[in-house]
N, C-alpha and C. Protein backbone atom coordinates (compact mmCIF):
# COMPACT_ATOMS: atom_id res chain seq x y z
N UNK A 1 0.99 -0.85 0.23
CA UNK A 1 0.32 -0.23 0.25
C UNK A 1 1.23 1.29 0.47
N UNK A 2 0.48 2.07 -0.86
CA UNK A 2 1.96 3.49 -0.81
C UNK A 2 0.86 4.26 -0.41
N UNK A 3 1.65 5.12 0.01
CA UNK A 3 1.36 6.62 0.78
C UNK A 3 1.53 7.93 0.10
N UNK A 4 0.79 8.70 0.21
CA UNK A 4 1.15 9.59 -0.66
C UNK A 4 1.73 10.60 0.71
N UNK A 5 2.85 11.33 0.03
CA UNK A 5 3.39 12.29 1.16
C UNK A 5 2.44 13.32 0.69
N UNK A 6 2.49 14.36 2.38
CA UNK A 6 2.08 15.43 2.67
C UNK A 6 1.92 16.61 1.44
N UNK A 7 0.94 17.26 0.85
CA UNK A 7 1.42 18.36 0.52
C UNK A 7 1.93 19.84 1.33
N UNK A 8 2.58 20.45 -0.02
CA UNK A 8 3.63 21.48 0.62
C UNK A 8 2.60 22.29 0.62
N UNK A 9 2.45 23.44 1.71
CA UNK A 9 1.85 24.66 1.49
C UNK A 9 2.28 25.06 0.39
N UNK A 10 3.39 25.23 0.67
CA UNK A 10 4.08 26.48 -0.63
C UNK A 10 3.97 26.20 -2.00
N UNK A 11 3.55 24.69 -2.61
CA UNK A 11 2.98 24.44 -3.62
C UNK A 11 1.83 25.06 -3.71
N UNK A 12 0.70 25.15 -3.24
CA UNK A 12 -0.87 26.15 -3.24
C UNK A 12 -0.19 27.37 -3.96
N UNK A 13 1.07 27.82 -3.27
CA UNK A 13 1.16 29.27 -3.77
C UNK A 13 1.39 29.15 -4.91
N UNK A 14 2.60 28.95 -5.58
CA UNK A 14 2.62 28.60 -6.68
C UNK A 14 1.85 28.53 -7.47
N UNK A 15 0.77 27.26 -7.11
CA UNK A 15 -0.68 27.44 -8.19
C UNK A 15 -0.99 28.63 -8.33
N UNK A 16 -1.32 29.39 -7.24
CA UNK A 16 -1.97 30.62 -6.66
C UNK A 16 -1.16 31.81 -8.07
N UNK A 17 -0.14 31.90 -7.98
CA UNK A 17 0.46 32.68 -8.72
C UNK A 17 0.45 32.30 -10.45
N UNK A 18 0.46 30.92 -10.64
CA UNK A 18 0.32 30.64 -11.58
C UNK A 18 -1.25 30.83 -12.55
N UNK A 19 -2.13 30.85 -11.74
CA UNK A 19 -3.56 30.97 -12.09
C UNK A 19 -3.67 32.13 -12.04
N UNK A 20 -3.26 33.35 -11.07
CA UNK A 20 -3.32 34.51 -11.53
C UNK A 20 -3.22 35.37 -12.62
N UNK A 21 -2.29 34.51 -13.61
CA UNK A 21 -1.87 35.03 -14.81
C UNK A 21 -3.35 34.82 -16.16
N UNK A 22 -4.10 34.11 -15.56
CA UNK A 22 -4.91 33.59 -16.77
C UNK A 22 -5.63 35.31 -16.72
N UNK A 23 -6.12 36.21 -15.84
CA UNK A 23 -6.52 37.38 -16.01
C UNK A 23 -7.92 37.11 -15.95
N UNK A 24 -8.75 36.40 -15.87
CA UNK A 24 -10.12 36.21 -15.54
C UNK A 24 -10.75 36.22 -14.12
N UNK A 25 -11.98 36.44 -14.06
CA UNK A 25 -12.17 36.58 -12.64
C UNK A 25 -12.25 35.31 -12.17
N UNK A 26 -12.26 34.17 -12.58
CA UNK A 26 -12.86 32.62 -12.48
C UNK A 26 -11.36 32.43 -11.91
N UNK A 27 -9.97 32.84 -12.75
CA UNK A 27 -8.76 32.77 -12.31
C UNK A 27 -8.33 33.14 -11.30
N UNK A 28 -8.68 34.44 -11.42
CA UNK A 28 -8.56 35.79 -9.92
C UNK A 28 -9.12 34.52 -8.57
N UNK A 29 -10.14 34.67 -8.68
CA UNK A 29 -10.38 33.86 -7.36
C UNK A 29 -9.90 32.58 -7.09
N UNK A 30 -9.62 31.97 -7.86
CA UNK A 30 -9.46 30.77 -8.01
C UNK A 30 -7.80 30.37 -7.41
N UNK A 31 -7.20 31.56 -7.25
CA UNK A 31 -5.65 31.64 -7.44
C UNK A 31 -5.72 32.87 -5.68
N UNK A 32 -7.43 33.43 -5.45
CA UNK A 32 -7.42 33.73 -3.89
C UNK A 32 -7.08 32.30 -3.03
N UNK A 33 -8.19 31.51 -3.61
CA UNK A 33 -8.22 30.13 -2.72
C UNK A 33 -7.41 29.92 -3.03
N UNK A 34 -6.69 29.00 -3.71
CA UNK A 34 -4.99 28.40 -3.76
C UNK A 34 -4.28 29.48 -2.31
N UNK A 35 -4.44 30.72 -3.02
CA UNK A 35 -3.48 31.61 -1.64
C UNK A 35 -3.71 31.43 -0.17
N UNK A 36 -5.22 31.37 -0.29
CA UNK A 36 -5.89 31.80 1.23
C UNK A 36 -5.72 29.75 1.54
N UNK A 37 -5.36 28.83 1.04
CA UNK A 37 -5.25 27.85 1.55
C UNK A 37 -3.79 27.31 1.82
N UNK A 38 -2.77 28.23 1.31
CA UNK A 38 -1.79 28.01 1.64
C UNK A 38 -1.51 28.90 2.42
N UNK A 39 -1.57 29.48 3.41
CA UNK A 39 -2.10 30.31 4.65
C UNK A 39 -2.37 29.60 5.22
N UNK A 40 -3.64 28.79 5.09
CA UNK A 40 -4.43 27.97 6.26
C UNK A 40 -3.36 26.70 5.90
N UNK A 41 -2.73 26.25 5.77
CA UNK A 41 -1.90 25.11 6.38
C UNK A 41 -0.67 25.42 6.88
N UNK A 42 0.09 26.75 6.54
CA UNK A 42 1.06 27.14 7.24
C UNK A 42 0.24 27.76 8.66
N UNK A 43 -0.50 28.41 8.99
CA UNK A 43 -0.98 28.77 10.46
C UNK A 43 -1.48 27.37 11.06
N UNK A 44 -1.91 26.26 10.47
CA UNK A 44 -2.30 25.01 11.56
C UNK A 44 -1.54 24.84 11.69
N UNK A 45 -0.31 24.47 10.98
CA UNK A 45 1.00 23.98 10.88
C UNK A 45 1.89 24.40 12.24
N UNK A 46 1.56 25.97 11.94
CA UNK A 46 2.36 26.75 13.35
C UNK A 46 1.73 26.57 14.65
N UNK A 47 0.56 26.59 14.71
CA UNK A 47 -0.50 26.67 15.44
C UNK A 47 -0.41 25.49 16.07
N UNK A 48 -0.61 24.56 15.87
CA UNK A 48 -0.56 22.91 16.54
C UNK A 48 -1.82 22.15 16.47
N UNK A 49 -2.72 23.23 15.87
CA UNK A 49 -4.31 22.81 15.85
C UNK A 49 -4.11 21.59 15.00
N UNK A 50 -5.19 20.52 15.16
CA UNK A 50 -4.97 19.10 14.79
C UNK A 50 -6.51 18.65 14.59
N UNK A 51 -7.07 17.59 14.04
CA UNK A 51 -8.33 17.13 13.56
C UNK A 51 -9.23 17.69 12.68
N UNK A 52 -10.29 17.51 12.57
CA UNK A 52 -11.11 18.36 11.40
C UNK A 52 -12.42 19.34 11.43
N UNK A 53 -12.94 18.93 12.69
CA UNK A 53 -14.15 19.31 13.56
C UNK A 53 -13.25 21.31 13.24
N UNK A 54 -14.31 21.90 12.38
CA UNK A 54 -14.47 23.34 12.63
C UNK A 54 -12.87 23.82 12.66
N UNK A 55 -12.16 23.07 11.81
CA UNK A 55 -10.86 23.50 11.91
C UNK A 55 -10.49 25.16 11.17
N UNK A 56 -11.12 25.21 10.31
CA UNK A 56 -10.70 26.66 9.86
C UNK A 56 -11.04 27.63 11.35
N UNK A 57 -11.79 27.90 11.81
CA UNK A 57 -12.56 28.97 12.91
C UNK A 57 -11.86 28.30 14.11
N UNK A 58 -10.84 26.72 14.49
CA UNK A 58 -9.60 27.10 15.33
C UNK A 58 -8.72 27.06 15.08
N UNK A 59 -8.38 27.72 13.86
CA UNK A 59 -6.96 28.12 13.29
C UNK A 59 -6.88 29.04 13.49
N UNK A 60 -8.06 29.80 13.20
CA UNK A 60 -8.47 31.71 13.46
C UNK A 60 -8.36 32.11 14.35
N UNK A 61 -9.09 31.29 15.68
CA UNK A 61 -8.73 32.12 17.26
C UNK A 61 -7.44 31.22 17.78
N UNK A 62 -7.15 30.33 17.56
CA UNK A 62 -5.36 30.00 17.68
C UNK A 62 -4.65 31.66 17.05
N UNK A 63 -4.88 31.69 16.25
CA UNK A 63 -3.79 32.86 15.74
C UNK A 63 -4.51 34.13 16.21
N UNK A 64 -5.74 34.54 16.50
CA UNK A 64 -5.98 35.28 17.25
C UNK A 64 -5.85 35.87 18.79
N UNK A 65 -5.38 34.45 19.25
CA UNK A 65 -5.47 34.84 20.83
C UNK A 65 -3.58 34.59 20.82
N UNK A 66 -2.79 34.33 19.94
CA UNK A 66 -1.92 34.32 20.38
C UNK A 66 -0.94 35.28 20.61
N UNK A 67 -0.15 35.73 21.75
CA UNK A 67 0.18 36.63 22.46
C UNK A 67 1.68 37.43 21.25
N UNK A 68 1.50 38.72 20.84
CA UNK A 68 2.43 39.06 19.61
C UNK A 68 3.53 39.00 20.73
N UNK A 69 3.96 39.35 21.55
CA UNK A 69 5.25 39.59 21.86
C UNK A 69 6.03 37.65 22.35
N UNK A 70 4.83 37.16 22.24
CA UNK A 70 5.90 35.54 22.62
C UNK A 70 6.54 35.04 21.49
N UNK A 71 7.60 34.57 22.13
CA UNK A 71 8.37 33.95 20.81
C UNK A 71 7.87 32.41 20.08
N UNK A 72 6.77 32.16 20.46
CA UNK A 72 5.68 30.66 20.20
C UNK A 72 6.08 30.80 18.65
N UNK A 73 6.13 29.72 17.91
CA UNK A 73 5.89 29.63 16.75
C UNK A 73 4.51 30.24 16.04
N UNK A 74 3.96 30.34 16.87
CA UNK A 74 2.59 30.51 15.59
C UNK A 74 1.84 32.21 15.88
N UNK A 75 3.18 32.71 16.17
CA UNK A 75 3.55 34.10 16.01
C UNK A 75 3.53 34.66 15.13
N UNK A 76 2.45 35.61 14.43
CA UNK A 76 1.98 35.50 13.08
C UNK A 76 3.25 36.81 12.22
N UNK A 77 4.11 37.88 13.13
CA UNK A 77 5.53 38.43 12.27
C UNK A 77 6.18 37.28 11.75
N UNK A 78 6.18 36.15 12.38
CA UNK A 78 7.41 35.22 11.81
C UNK A 78 6.90 34.14 10.47
N UNK A 79 6.03 34.51 10.08
CA UNK A 79 5.61 33.79 9.40
C UNK A 79 5.70 33.77 7.78
N UNK A 80 6.01 35.30 7.75
CA UNK A 80 6.82 36.00 6.41
C UNK A 80 7.75 35.09 5.52
N UNK A 81 8.79 34.40 6.66
CA UNK A 81 10.07 33.87 6.86
C UNK A 81 9.83 32.28 6.15
N UNK A 82 8.43 32.12 6.58
CA UNK A 82 7.97 30.86 6.04
C UNK A 82 7.87 30.80 3.89
N UNK A 83 7.81 31.96 3.73
CA UNK A 83 7.27 32.36 2.63
C UNK A 83 7.91 32.38 1.15
N UNK A 84 7.93 32.16 0.44
CA UNK A 84 9.09 32.81 -0.52
C UNK A 84 9.15 34.08 -0.77
N UNK A 85 10.27 34.34 -1.54
CA UNK A 85 10.24 36.33 -2.22
C UNK A 85 9.38 36.57 -2.88
N UNK A 86 8.85 37.82 -3.15
CA UNK A 86 7.78 37.94 -4.13
C UNK A 86 8.66 38.00 -5.47
N UNK A 87 8.06 37.34 -6.23
CA UNK A 87 8.91 37.11 -7.82
C UNK A 87 8.36 38.33 -8.37
N UNK A 88 7.85 39.46 -8.47
CA UNK A 88 7.12 40.82 -8.99
C UNK A 88 8.17 41.89 -8.62
């Protein structure tokens, strides 16, 4: 039985950039969706929220309740370091 490796959140960001180049409203909506999912996966992993029930709500709550002065891995100001430099 083969196991599929976990998806890299940054793959969704790369897809978002590709799709955004299509220019139509549908392309842009899809790009925003994929970019959001990238951010969500990073936030989920950084906050340690697990499970599936109400996962988006629980991740948002964890991010909002994190202490901005804390060195904890879920501190938002540290997240950009996980993303590649903009190519624009």
